[in-house]
Amino acid sequence: QDHSFASYLLFAQLIADSALTCPVFWLPGNHDDISAMQRISGGQIN
């Protein structure tokens, strides 16, 4: 919502801190920066 890279890091951290173990795939919305989404990808975020 605030377009900060810290919000992308929070997304990754909330997933890492959860009990979810399956991969998380993504597509971009109008608020999102594709390069920032790619930067947090790797491991569980695919």
All heavy atoms as atom14 arrays in JSON, in Angstrom:
{
  "sequence": "QDHSFASYLLFAQLIADSALTCPVFWLPGNHDDISAMQRISGGQIN",
  "atom14_mask": [
    [1, 1, 1, 1, 1, 1, 1, 1, 1, 0, 0, 0, 0, 0],
    [1, 1, 1, 1, 1, 1, 1, 1, 0, 0, 0, 0, 0, 0],
    [1, 1, 1, 1, 1, 1, 1, 1, 1, 1, 0, 0, 0, 0],
    [1, 1, 1, 1, 1, 1, 0, 0, 0, 0, 0, 0, 0, 0],
    [1, 1, 1, 1, 1, 1, 1, 1, 1, 1, 1, 0, 0, 0],
    [1, 1, 1, 1, 1, 0, 0, 0, 0, 0, 0, 0, 0, 0],
    [1, 1, 1, 1, 1, 1, 0, 0, 0, 0, 0, 0, 0, 0],
    [1, 1, 1, 1, 1, 1, 1, 1, 1, 1, 1, 1, 0, 0],
    [1, 1, 1, 1, 1, 1, 1, 1, 0, 0, 0, 0, 0, 0],
    [1, 1, 1, 1, 1, 1, 1, 1, 0, 0, 0, 0, 0, 0],
    [1, 1, 1, 1, 1, 1, 1, 1, 1, 1, 1, 0, 0, 0],
    [1, 1, 1, 1, 1, 0, 0, 0, 0, 0, 0, 0, 0, 0],
    [1, 1, 1, 1, 1, 1, 1, 1, 1, 0, 0, 0, 0, 0],
    [1, 1, 1, 1, 1, 1, 1, 1, 0, 0, 0, 0, 0, 0],
    [1, 1, 1, 1, 1, 1, 1, 1, 0, 0, 0, 0, 0, 0],
    [1, 1, 1, 1, 1, 0, 0, 0, 0, 0, 0, 0, 0, 0],
    [1, 1, 1, 1, 1, 1, 1, 1, 0, 0, 0, 0, 0, 0],
    [1, 1, 1, 1, 1, 1, 0, 0, 0, 0, 0, 0, 0, 0],
    [1, 1, 1, 1, 1, 0, 0, 0, 0, 0, 0, 0, 0, 0],
    [1, 1, 1, 1, 1, 1, 1, 1, 0, 0, 0, 0, 0, 0],
    [1, 1, 1, 1, 1, 1, 1, 0, 0, 0, 0, 0, 0, 0],
    [1, 1, 1, 1, 1, 1, 0, 0, 0, 0, 0, 0, 0, 0],
    [1, 1, 1, 1, 1, 1, 1, 0, 0, 0, 0, 0, 0, 0],
    [1, 1, 1, 1, 1, 1, 1, 0, 0, 0, 0, 0, 0, 0],
    [1, 1, 1, 1, 1, 1, 1, 1, 1, 1, 1, 0, 0, 0],
    [1, 1, 1, 1, 1, 1, 1, 1, 1, 1, 1, 1, 1, 1],
    [1, 1, 1, 1, 1, 1, 1, 1, 0, 0, 0, 0, 0, 0],
    [1, 1, 1, 1, 1, 1, 1, 0, 0, 0, 0, 0, 0, 0],
    [1, 1, 1, 1, 0, 0, 0, 0, 0, 0, 0, 0, 0, 0],
    [1, 1, 1, 1, 1, 1, 1, 1, 0, 0, 0, 0, 0, 0],
    [1, 1, 1, 1, 1, 1, 1, 1, 1, 1, 0, 0, 0, 0],
    [1, 1, 1, 1, 1, 1, 1, 1, 0, 0, 0, 0, 0, 0],
    [1, 1, 1, 1, 1, 1, 1, 1, 0, 0, 0, 0, 0, 0],
    [1, 1, 1, 1, 1, 1, 1, 1, 0, 0, 0, 0, 0, 0],
    [1, 1, 1, 1, 1, 1, 0, 0, 0, 0, 0, 0, 0, 0],
    [1, 1, 1, 1, 1, 0, 0, 0, 0, 0, 0, 0, 0, 0],
    [1, 1, 1, 1, 1, 1, 1, 1, 0, 0, 0, 0, 0, 0],
    [1, 1, 1, 1, 1, 1, 1, 1, 1, 0, 0, 0, 0, 0],
    [1, 1, 1, 1, 1, 1, 1, 1, 1, 1, 1, 0, 0, 0],
    [1, 1, 1, 1, 1, 1, 1, 1, 0, 0, 0, 0, 0, 0],
    [1, 1, 1, 1, 1, 1, 0, 0, 0, 0, 0, 0, 0, 0],
    [1, 1, 1, 1, 0, 0, 0, 0, 0, 0, 0, 0, 0, 0],
    [1, 1, 1, 1, 0, 0, 0, 0, 0, 0, 0, 0, 0, 0],
    [1, 1, 1, 1, 1, 1, 1, 1, 1, 0, 0, 0, 0, 0],
    [1, 1, 1, 1, 1, 1, 1, 1, 0, 0, 0, 0, 0, 0],
    [1, 1, 1, 1, 1, 1, 1, 1, 0, 0, 0, 0, 0, 0]
  ],
  "atom14_positions": [
    [[0.83, -1.21, 0.0], [0.0, 0.0, 0.0], [0.86, 1.25, 0.0], [0.53, 2.23, -0.66], [-0.94, 0.0, 1.21], [-1.82, 1.24, 1.31], [-2.72, 1.46, 0.11], [-3.1, 0.52, -0.58], [-3.04, 2.72, -0.17], [0.0, 0.0, 0.0], [0.0, 0.0, 0.0], [0.0, 0.0, 0.0], [0.0, 0.0, 0.0], [0.0, 0.0, 0.0]],
    [[1.97, 1.23, 0.72], [2.82, 2.43, 0.8], [3.97, 2.42, -0.2], [4.78, 3.35, -0.24], [3.35, 2.64, 2.23], [4.31, 1.55, 2.69], [4.64, 0.64, 1.9], [4.73, 1.61, 3.86], [0.0, 0.0, 0.0], [0.0, 0.0, 0.0], [0.0, 0.0, 0.0], [0.0, 0.0, 0.0], [0.0, 0.0, 0.0], [0.0, 0.0, 0.0]],
    [[4.08, 1.37, -1.0], [5.07, 1.28, -2.08], [6.52, 1.27, -1.57], [7.45, 1.53, -2.34], [4.87, 2.4, -3.11], [3.48, 2.45, -3.66], [3.06, 1.64, -4.69], [2.39, 3.18, -3.28], [1.78, 1.88, -4.95], [1.36, 2.8, -4.11], [0.0, 0.0, 0.0], [0.0, 0.0, 0.0], [0.0, 0.0, 0.0], [0.0, 0.0, 0.0]],
    [[6.7, 0.94, -0.31], [8.05, 0.84, 0.25], [8.61, -0.56, 0.04], [7.85, -1.55, 0.06], [8.02, 1.15, 1.75], [7.31, 0.14, 2.46], [0.0, 0.0, 0.0], [0.0, 0.0, 0.0], [0.0, 0.0, 0.0], [0.0, 0.0, 0.0], [0.0, 0.0, 0.0], [0.0, 0.0, 0.0], [0.0, 0.0, 0.0], [0.0, 0.0, 0.0]],
    [[9.92, -0.67, -0.14], [10.49, -2.01, -0.25], [10.35, -2.76, 1.07], [10.26, -3.99, 1.09], [11.96, -1.96, -0.67], [12.54, -3.33, -0.93], [12.04, -4.13, -1.94], [13.56, -3.82, -0.14], [12.55, -5.4, -2.16], [14.08, -5.08, -0.36], [13.57, -5.88, -1.37], [0.0, 0.0, 0.0], [0.0, 0.0, 0.0], [0.0, 0.0, 0.0]],
    [[10.28, -2.01, 2.18], [10.08, -2.66, 3.48], [8.77, -3.42, 3.54], [8.66, -4.43, 4.24], [10.14, -1.61, 4.59], [0.0, 0.0, 0.0], [0.0, 0.0, 0.0], [0.0, 0.0, 0.0], [0.0, 0.0, 0.0], [0.0, 0.0, 0.0], [0.0, 0.0, 0.0], [0.0, 0.0, 0.0], [0.0, 0.0, 0.0], [0.0, 0.0, 0.0]],
    [[7.75, -2.96, 2.8], [6.48, -3.7, 2.79], [6.63, -5.05, 2.09], [6.0, -6.04, 2.48], [5.38, -2.87, 2.13], [5.64, -2.65, 0.76], [0.0, 0.0, 0.0], [0.0, 0.0, 0.0], [0.0, 0.0, 0.0], [0.0, 0.0, 0.0], [0.0, 0.0, 0.0], [0.0, 0.0, 0.0], [0.0, 0.0, 0.0], [0.0, 0.0, 0.0]],
    [[7.48, -5.11, 1.07], [7.77, -6.39, 0.4], [8.53, -7.32, 1.34], [8.26, -8.53, 1.39], [8.57, -6.15, -0.88], [7.82, -5.42, -1.96], [7.78, -4.03, -1.96], [7.15, -6.09, -2.97], [7.08, -3.34, -2.95], [6.47, -5.42, -3.97], [6.43, -4.04, -3.94], [5.74, -3.36, -4.91], [0.0, 0.0, 0.0], [0.0, 0.0, 0.0]],
    [[9.46, -6.75, 2.08], [10.19, -7.56, 3.06], [9.26, -8.07, 4.16], [9.43, -9.2, 4.64], [11.33, -6.74, 3.67], [12.44, -6.33, 2.71], [13.46, -5.44, 3.43], [13.13, -7.55, 2.11], [0.0, 0.0, 0.0], [0.0, 0.0, 0.0], [0.0, 0.0, 0.0], [0.0, 0.0, 0.0], [0.0, 0.0, 0.0], [0.0, 0.0, 0.0]],
    [[8.28, -7.26, 4.55], [7.31, -7.7, 5.55], [6.49, -8.87, 5.01], [6.23, -9.84, 5.74], [6.4, -6.55, 5.95], [5.29, -6.89, 6.95], [5.86, -7.43, 8.26], [4.41, -5.67, 7.2], [0.0, 0.0, 0.0], [0.0, 0.0, 0.0], [0.0, 0.0, 0.0], [0.0, 0.0, 0.0], [0.0, 0.0, 0.0], [0.0, 0.0, 0.0]],
    [[6.07, -8.8, 3.75], [5.35, -9.91, 3.1], [6.16, -11.2, 3.22], [5.64, -12.25, 3.65], [5.11, -9.54, 1.64], [4.45, -10.59, 0.8], [3.07, -10.71, 0.75], [5.21, -11.45, 0.0], [2.45, -11.66, -0.05], [4.61, -12.4, -0.8], [3.22, -12.51, -0.83], [0.0, 0.0, 0.0], [0.0, 0.0, 0.0], [0.0, 0.0, 0.0]],
    [[7.44, -11.13, 2.86], [8.3, -12.31, 2.93], [8.47, -12.79, 4.36], [8.47, -14.0, 4.63], [9.67, -12.0, 2.31], [0.0, 0.0, 0.0], [0.0, 0.0, 0.0], [0.0, 0.0, 0.0], [0.0, 0.0, 0.0], [0.0, 0.0, 0.0], [0.0, 0.0, 0.0], [0.0, 0.0, 0.0], [0.0, 0.0, 0.0], [0.0, 0.0, 0.0]],
    [[8.59, -11.85, 5.3], [8.78, -12.23, 6.69], [7.53, -12.88, 7.28], [7.63, -13.85, 8.04], [9.17, -11.01, 7.53], [9.63, -11.35, 8.94], [10.87, -12.23, 8.94], [11.87, -11.88, 8.29], [10.83, -13.37, 9.61], [0.0, 0.0, 0.0], [0.0, 0.0, 0.0], [0.0, 0.0, 0.0], [0.0, 0.0, 0.0], [0.0, 0.0, 0.0]],
    [[6.37, -12.36, 6.96], [5.12, -12.94, 7.46], [4.95, -14.37, 6.95], [4.48, -15.26, 7.69], [3.93, -12.08, 7.05], [3.85, -10.7, 7.71], [2.71, -9.89, 7.1], [3.67, -10.82, 9.22], [0.0, 0.0, 0.0], [0.0, 0.0, 0.0], [0.0, 0.0, 0.0], [0.0, 0.0, 0.0], [0.0, 0.0, 0.0], [0.0, 0.0, 0.0]],
    [[5.34, -14.61, 5.72], [5.27, -15.98, 5.18], [6.29, -16.87, 5.9], [5.97, -17.99, 6.31], [5.52, -15.96, 3.66], [4.33, -15.3, 2.94], [5.73, -17.39, 3.12], [4.56, -15.05, 1.47], [0.0, 0.0, 0.0], [0.0, 0.0, 0.0], [0.0, 0.0, 0.0], [0.0, 0.0, 0.0], [0.0, 0.0, 0.0], [0.0, 0.0, 0.0]],
    [[7.51, -16.37, 6.07], [8.55, -17.16, 6.74], [8.18, -17.48, 8.18], [8.5, -18.56, 8.69], [9.88, -16.4, 6.68], [0.0, 0.0, 0.0], [0.0, 0.0, 0.0], [0.0, 0.0, 0.0], [0.0, 0.0, 0.0], [0.0, 0.0, 0.0], [0.0, 0.0, 0.0], [0.0, 0.0, 0.0], [0.0, 0.0, 0.0], [0.0, 0.0, 0.0]],
    [[7.5, -16.55, 8.85], [7.13, -16.75, 10.24], [5.89, -17.62, 10.41], [5.58, -18.04, 11.53], [6.86, -15.39, 10.91], [8.13, -14.59, 11.1], [9.23, -15.16, 11.01], [8.01, -13.37, 11.35], [0.0, 0.0, 0.0], [0.0, 0.0, 0.0], [0.0, 0.0, 0.0], [0.0, 0.0, 0.0], [0.0, 0.0, 0.0], [0.0, 0.0, 0.0]],
    [[5.17, -17.88, 9.33], [3.94, -18.67, 9.42], [4.25, -20.16, 9.39], [5.39, -20.57, 9.15], [3.01, -18.32, 8.25], [3.48, -18.92, 7.04], [0.0, 0.0, 0.0], [0.0, 0.0, 0.0], [0.0, 0.0, 0.0], [0.0, 0.0, 0.0], [0.0, 0.0, 0.0], [0.0, 0.0, 0.0], [0.0, 0.0, 0.0], [0.0, 0.0, 0.0]],
    [[3.22, -20.97, 9.6], [3.36, -22.42, 9.54], [3.17, -22.95, 8.12], [3.23, -24.17, 7.9], [2.35, -23.07, 10.48], [0.0, 0.0, 0.0], [0.0, 0.0, 0.0], [0.0, 0.0, 0.0], [0.0, 0.0, 0.0], [0.0, 0.0, 0.0], [0.0, 0.0, 0.0], [0.0, 0.0, 0.0], [0.0, 0.0, 0.0], [0.0, 0.0, 0.0]],
    [[2.98, -22.05, 7.16], [2.79, -22.46, 5.77], [4.1, -23.02, 5.21], [5.15, -22.4, 5.36], [2.34, -21.25, 4.95], [1.86, -21.5, 3.52], [0.49, -22.17, 3.53], [1.79, -20.18, 2.76], [0.0, 0.0, 0.0], [0.0, 0.0, 0.0], [0.0, 0.0, 0.0], [0.0, 0.0, 0.0], [0.0, 0.0, 0.0], [0.0, 0.0, 0.0]],
    [[4.04, -24.18, 4.58], [5.26, -24.81, 4.06], [5.28, -24.93, 2.54], [6.34, -25.22, 1.97], [5.43, -26.21, 4.66], [4.27, -27.0, 4.37], [5.61, -26.13, 6.18], [0.0, 0.0, 0.0], [0.0, 0.0, 0.0], [0.0, 0.0, 0.0], [0.0, 0.0, 0.0], [0.0, 0.0, 0.0], [0.0, 0.0, 0.0], [0.0, 0.0, 0.0]],
    [[4.15, -24.73, 1.86], [4.11, -24.9, 0.41], [4.67, -23.65, -0.29], [4.8, -22.59, 0.32], [2.67, -25.15, -0.05], [1.58, -23.73, 0.16], [0.0, 0.0, 0.0], [0.0, 0.0, 0.0], [0.0, 0.0, 0.0], [0.0, 0.0, 0.0], [0.0, 0.0, 0.0], [0.0, 0.0, 0.0], [0.0, 0.0, 0.0], [0.0, 0.0, 0.0]],
    [[5.0, -23.76, -1.58], [5.49, -22.59, -2.31], [4.4, -21.54, -2.5], [3.21, -21.86, -2.58], [5.95, -23.17, -3.65], [5.21, -24.46, -3.8], [5.02, -24.98, -2.41], [0.0, 0.0, 0.0], [0.0, 0.0, 0.0], [0.0, 0.0, 0.0], [0.0, 0.0, 0.0], [0.0, 0.0, 0.0], [0.0, 0.0, 0.0], [0.0, 0.0, 0.0]],
    [[4.83, -20.28, -2.55], [3.94, -19.15, -2.79], [4.34, -18.51, -4.12], [5.46, -18.01, -4.27], [4.02, -18.12, -1.66], [3.14, -16.9, -1.96], [3.63, -18.75, -0.32], [0.0, 0.0, 0.0], [0.0, 0.0, 0.0], [0.0, 0.0, 0.0], [0.0, 0.0, 0.0], [0.0, 0.0, 0.0], [0.0, 0.0, 0.0], [0.0, 0.0, 0.0]],
    [[3.43, -18.56, -5.08], [3.66, -17.95, -6.39], [2.93, -16.6, -6.42], [2.0, -16.38, -5.66], [3.15, -18.87, -7.5], [3.84, -20.21, -7.53], [3.34, -21.28, -6.79], [4.98, -20.4, -8.28], [3.98, -22.52, -6.8], [5.63, -21.64, -8.29], [5.13, -22.69, -7.56], [0.0, 0.0, 0.0], [0.0, 0.0, 0.0], [0.0, 0.0, 0.0]],
    [[3.32, -15.71, -7.32], [2.73, -14.38, -7.31], [2.55, -13.83, -8.72], [3.2, -14.24, -9.67], [3.6, -13.41, -6.51], [5.05, -13.3, -6.96], [6.11, -14.02, -6.46], [5.57, -12.48, -8.01], [7.26, -13.67, -7.12], [6.96, -12.72, -8.07], [5.01, -11.54, -8.88], [7.79, -12.09, -8.99], [5.82, -10.9, -9.8], [7.2, -11.17, -9.84]],
    [[1.63, -12.89, -8.82], [1.5, -12.05, -10.0], [1.3, -10.61, -9.51], [0.87, -10.39, -8.38], [0.36, -12.52, -10.9], [-1.03, -12.71, -10.28], [-1.82, -11.41, -10.23], [-1.81, -13.77, -11.06], [0.0, 0.0, 0.0], [0.0, 0.0, 0.0], [0.0, 0.0, 0.0], [0.0, 0.0, 0.0], [0.0, 0.0, 0.0], [0.0, 0.0, 0.0]],
    [[1.62, -9.62, -10.32], [1.61, -8.23, -9.83], [0.24, -7.59, -9.92], [-0.54, -7.85, -10.84], [2.61, -7.53, -10.76], [2.47, -8.29, -12.06], [2.2, -9.71, -11.68], [0.0, 0.0, 0.0], [0.0, 0.0, 0.0], [0.0, 0.0, 0.0], [0.0, 0.0, 0.0], [0.0, 0.0, 0.0], [0.0, 0.0, 0.0], [0.0, 0.0, 0.0]],
    [[-0.04, -6.7, -8.95], [-1.19, -5.83, -9.02], [-0.77, -4.43, -9.43], [0.41, -4.15, -9.62], [0.0, 0.0, 0.0], [0.0, 0.0, 0.0], [0.0, 0.0, 0.0], [0.0, 0.0, 0.0], [0.0, 0.0, 0.0], [0.0, 0.0, 0.0], [0.0, 0.0, 0.0], [0.0, 0.0, 0.0], [0.0, 0.0, 0.0], [0.0, 0.0, 0.0]],
    [[-1.73, -3.54, -9.54], [-1.43, -2.18, -9.97], [-0.57, -1.42, -8.96], [0.17, -0.51, -9.32], [-2.71, -1.4, -10.26], [-3.74, -1.51, -9.16], [-4.33, -2.58, -8.99], [-3.99, -0.44, -8.43], [0.0, 0.0, 0.0], [0.0, 0.0, 0.0], [0.0, 0.0, 0.0], [0.0, 0.0, 0.0], [0.0, 0.0, 0.0], [0.0, 0.0, 0.0]],
    [[-0.62, -1.8, -7.68], [0.2, -1.14, -6.67], [1.66, -1.63, -6.68], [2.51, -0.99, -6.07], [-0.37, -1.42, -5.27], [-1.53, -0.55, -4.9], [-1.41, 0.55, -4.09], [-2.84, -0.62, -5.25], [-2.6, 1.12, -3.93], [-3.48, 0.43, -4.63], [0.0, 0.0, 0.0], [0.0, 0.0, 0.0], [0.0, 0.0, 0.0], [0.0, 0.0, 0.0]],
    [[1.93, -2.74, -7.34], [3.18, -3.45, -7.12], [4.27, -3.08, -8.11], [4.01, -2.68, -9.24], [2.94, -4.96, -7.17], [1.95, -5.43, -6.12], [1.94, -4.84, -5.03], [1.18, -6.35, -6.41], [0.0, 0.0, 0.0], [0.0, 0.0, 0.0], [0.0, 0.0, 0.0], [0.0, 0.0, 0.0], [0.0, 0.0, 0.0], [0.0, 0.0, 0.0]],
    [[5.5, -3.28, -7.67], [6.68, -3.14, -8.51], [7.22, -4.54, -8.78], [7.6, -5.26, -7.86], [7.72, -2.28, -7.8], [8.97, -2.1, -8.64], [8.95, -1.21, -9.51], [9.93, -2.86, -8.43], [0.0, 0.0, 0.0], [0.0, 0.0, 0.0], [0.0, 0.0, 0.0], [0.0, 0.0, 0.0], [0.0, 0.0, 0.0], [0.0, 0.0, 0.0]],
    [[7.23, -4.93, -10.04], [7.62, -6.3, -10.39], [9.05, -6.59, -9.95], [9.35, -7.68, -9.45], [7.42, -6.55, -11.89], [5.92, -6.53, -12.24], [8.04, -7.89, -12.31], [5.62, -6.64, -13.72], [0.0, 0.0, 0.0], [0.0, 0.0, 0.0], [0.0, 0.0, 0.0], [0.0, 0.0, 0.0], [0.0, 0.0, 0.0], [0.0, 0.0, 0.0]],
    [[9.95, -5.62, -10.1], [11.34, -5.86, -9.71], [11.45, -6.09, -8.21], [12.27, -6.91, -7.75], [12.23, -4.7, -10.14], [11.86, -3.51, -9.48], [0.0, 0.0, 0.0], [0.0, 0.0, 0.0], [0.0, 0.0, 0.0], [0.0, 0.0, 0.0], [0.0, 0.0, 0.0], [0.0, 0.0, 0.0], [0.0, 0.0, 0.0], [0.0, 0.0, 0.0]],
    [[10.64, -5.4, -7.41], [10.66, -5.62, -5.96], [10.13, -7.01, -5.63], [10.65, -7.7, -4.73], [9.84, -4.55, -5.25], [0.0, 0.0, 0.0], [0.0, 0.0, 0.0], [0.0, 0.0, 0.0], [0.0, 0.0, 0.0], [0.0, 0.0, 0.0], [0.0, 0.0, 0.0], [0.0, 0.0, 0.0], [0.0, 0.0, 0.0], [0.0, 0.0, 0.0]],
    [[9.11, -7.47, -6.34], [8.58, -8.81, -6.11], [9.61, -9.86, -6.49], [9.74, -10.89, -5.82], [7.26, -9.0, -6.87], [6.17, -8.02, -6.44], [4.56, -8.29, -7.22], [3.83, -9.47, -6.09], [0.0, 0.0, 0.0], [0.0, 0.0, 0.0], [0.0, 0.0, 0.0], [0.0, 0.0, 0.0], [0.0, 0.0, 0.0], [0.0, 0.0, 0.0]],
    [[10.35, -9.59, -7.55], [11.4, -10.53, -7.94], [12.52, -10.56, -6.91], [13.11, -11.62, -6.66], [11.93, -10.15, -9.32], [10.94, -10.4, -10.44], [11.37, -9.82, -11.77], [12.12, -8.85, -11.82], [10.87, -10.38, -12.86], [0.0, 0.0, 0.0], [0.0, 0.0, 0.0], [0.0, 0.0, 0.0], [0.0, 0.0, 0.0], [0.0, 0.0, 0.0]],
    [[12.81, -9.42, -6.29], [13.9, -9.36, -5.3], [13.59, -10.21, -4.06], [14.52, -10.75, -3.44], [14.14, -7.91, -4.88], [14.89, -7.08, -5.91], [15.02, -5.63, -5.46], [15.82, -5.49, -4.25], [15.97, -4.35, -3.6], [15.34, -3.26, -4.02], [16.73, -4.29, -2.51], [0.0, 0.0, 0.0], [0.0, 0.0, 0.0], [0.0, 0.0, 0.0]],
    [[12.32, -10.34, -3.69], [11.98, -11.16, -2.52], [11.72, -12.61, -2.89], [11.44, -13.44, -2.01], [10.78, -10.59, -1.74], [9.52, -10.59, -2.61], [11.08, -9.2, -1.2], [8.24, -10.34, -1.84], [0.0, 0.0, 0.0], [0.0, 0.0, 0.0], [0.0, 0.0, 0.0], [0.0, 0.0, 0.0], [0.0, 0.0, 0.0], [0.0, 0.0, 0.0]],
    [[11.82, -12.94, -4.18], [11.58, -14.31, -4.62], [12.83, -15.16, -4.42], [13.96, -14.67, -4.49], [11.16, -14.35, -6.09], [9.95, -13.67, -6.28], [0.0, 0.0, 0.0], [0.0, 0.0, 0.0], [0.0, 0.0, 0.0], [0.0, 0.0, 0.0], [0.0, 0.0, 0.0], [0.0, 0.0, 0.0], [0.0, 0.0, 0.0], [0.0, 0.0, 0.0]],
    [[12.6, -16.43, -4.2], [13.68, -17.37, -3.93], [13.3, -18.19, -2.72], [12.77, -17.65, -1.75], [0.0, 0.0, 0.0], [0.0, 0.0, 0.0], [0.0, 0.0, 0.0], [0.0, 0.0, 0.0], [0.0, 0.0, 0.0], [0.0, 0.0, 0.0], [0.0, 0.0, 0.0], [0.0, 0.0, 0.0], [0.0, 0.0, 0.0], [0.0, 0.0, 0.0]],
    [[13.51, -19.47, -2.77], [13.05, -20.31, -1.67], [11.55, -20.5, -1.75], [11.01, -20.85, -2.8], [0.0, 0.0, 0.0], [0.0, 0.0, 0.0], [0.0, 0.0, 0.0], [0.0, 0.0, 0.0], [0.0, 0.0, 0.0], [0.0, 0.0, 0.0], [0.0, 0.0, 0.0], [0.0, 0.0, 0.0], [0.0, 0.0, 0.0], [0.0, 0.0, 0.0]],
    [[10.85, -20.22, -0.65], [9.41, -20.48, -0.6], [8.63, -19.57, -1.54], [7.62, -19.98, -2.11], [8.89, -20.32, 0.83], [7.45, -20.77, 1.01], [7.02, -20.75, 2.46], [7.73, -20.26, 3.33], [5.85, -21.29, 2.74], [0.0, 0.0, 0.0], [0.0, 0.0, 0.0], [0.0, 0.0, 0.0], [0.0, 0.0, 0.0], [0.0, 0.0, 0.0]],
    [[9.07, -18.32, -1.71], [8.42, -17.41, -2.64], [9.01, -17.65, -4.02], [10.21, -17.46, -4.24], [8.59, -15.95, -2.21], [7.97, -15.74, -0.81], [7.93, -15.02, -3.22], [8.17, -14.34, -0.25], [0.0, 0.0, 0.0], [0.0, 0.0, 0.0], [0.0, 0.0, 0.0], [0.0, 0.0, 0.0], [0.0, 0.0, 0.0], [0.0, 0.0, 0.0]],
    [[8.17, -18.08, -4.94], [8.62, -18.6, -6.24], [8.1, -17.69, -7.35], [6.92, -17.35, -7.38], [8.11, -20.03, -6.41], [8.75, -20.76, -7.56], [8.82, -20.25, -8.67], [9.2, -21.99, -7.3], [0.0, 0.0, 0.0], [0.0, 0.0, 0.0], [0.0, 0.0, 0.0], [0.0, 0.0, 0.0], [0.0, 0.0, 0.0], [0.0, 0.0, 0.0]]
  ]
}
